[in-house]
Amino acid sequence: MPSYLVTHYYHSGFSVACDDSILIFDYWLGENQELAPKFRLTKRNLERYSHIYVFISHDHPDHMDPVVFTWKDLPGIQYIVSSDMPVGTRGRRMAPGNTICFSEEVEVTAFDSTDLGVSFLVNFKGLQIFHAGDLNFWHWRDESGMREIEEADNEFRKAVAPICEKKVDLAFFPLDPRQGTMFEAGANYFILSVKPRIMIPMHYFHRAEVAMEYARTASCRTTEVIALPGYGDLLNIDLDQEGYLNLSFPARSKLQEETDEETNDGENTDEESVLTENDPFRESDLPLTQLVHREEESYPQGETVPNT
């Protein structure tokens, strides 16, 4: 039974690891290096993997950190980038509609975006993973006119339409409160039309409470919304033989423990958590990894996400 470890780093940066392979999406340390050393990926903790796939959806600074190219000498590393990246950027370029099969276990298809670049759908050892990049309904309703909003709506629906034809098990999708009124409209439409089995919000610019509240209110019969609000938050997904997804929240990853050893920064591991001791969410039953204190506690009460 394949087991996948999902790690949230910062903003839209995530990894999904399984056995000796790891996918890394839009990794970013933050404008002011907010991601603490204990939660960062390093050459040392990536050396455990025989196959490393680094995805860069577009060249906005919050989706492409130059640090990822310091890993270029690692054996088995592949860079997958959008076709509109600057000339000279390392990596296999993909335009919307392109598919690349790297092995029997990793196949990547690029889809359109409503901003620069592309979004990615990766078949990773049987788990269908979608990373939206900057694909979203960018309506900016509080400052745009009706014609601009309608154009943004049409563009978004057109971009999402081909994704609706695909099965998506796990989706990382923007939830950007900077848009103001109805900022969650794009995420809502994606859930209703694509029906990912799990959605993890991203791109919320330090507003972790936005992701937590969305997880509380937006889950439905077809989609479980799970917030990973803290740096280094983890989610474990086990794919069983019947296609069900069994979820649990490991407290700490081996990668983070090794990084602690490198930096001598292994104490006060909750320092960067967005949930303080006085935060009322700590006693909540919301699907938030920061609230799980046992090493392997099933979510929720041992239930599984249905194979829809």
Foldseek 3Di string as FASTA:
>chain_A
DWKWKWWDAAFLWIKIDTQQEMEIFLDACDPVSVRDLLQDDDLVLNLSHQAYEYEAQEPDRSRDPVVVCVNVPRHRYAYEYDQPYDPPDDHHHAYAQDWDDPDPAWIKHWFPALDDGTKIWIRGNNATETERNRHFLLQLPVPDDPVSSVVSVVVSCVRCVVLLVDAHAEYEEEQECVSPPPSCVRVLVCCVRNLHLEYEYGNHVLPQVSLQVCQVPPDDLRYRYAYASFRGWMKMWDQDPVGWTWIWGAPHDPSSVVSCVVVVNPPPVCPRPPADPPRPCLPPPGRYNVNDDDRTQTPPNRDIRDPD
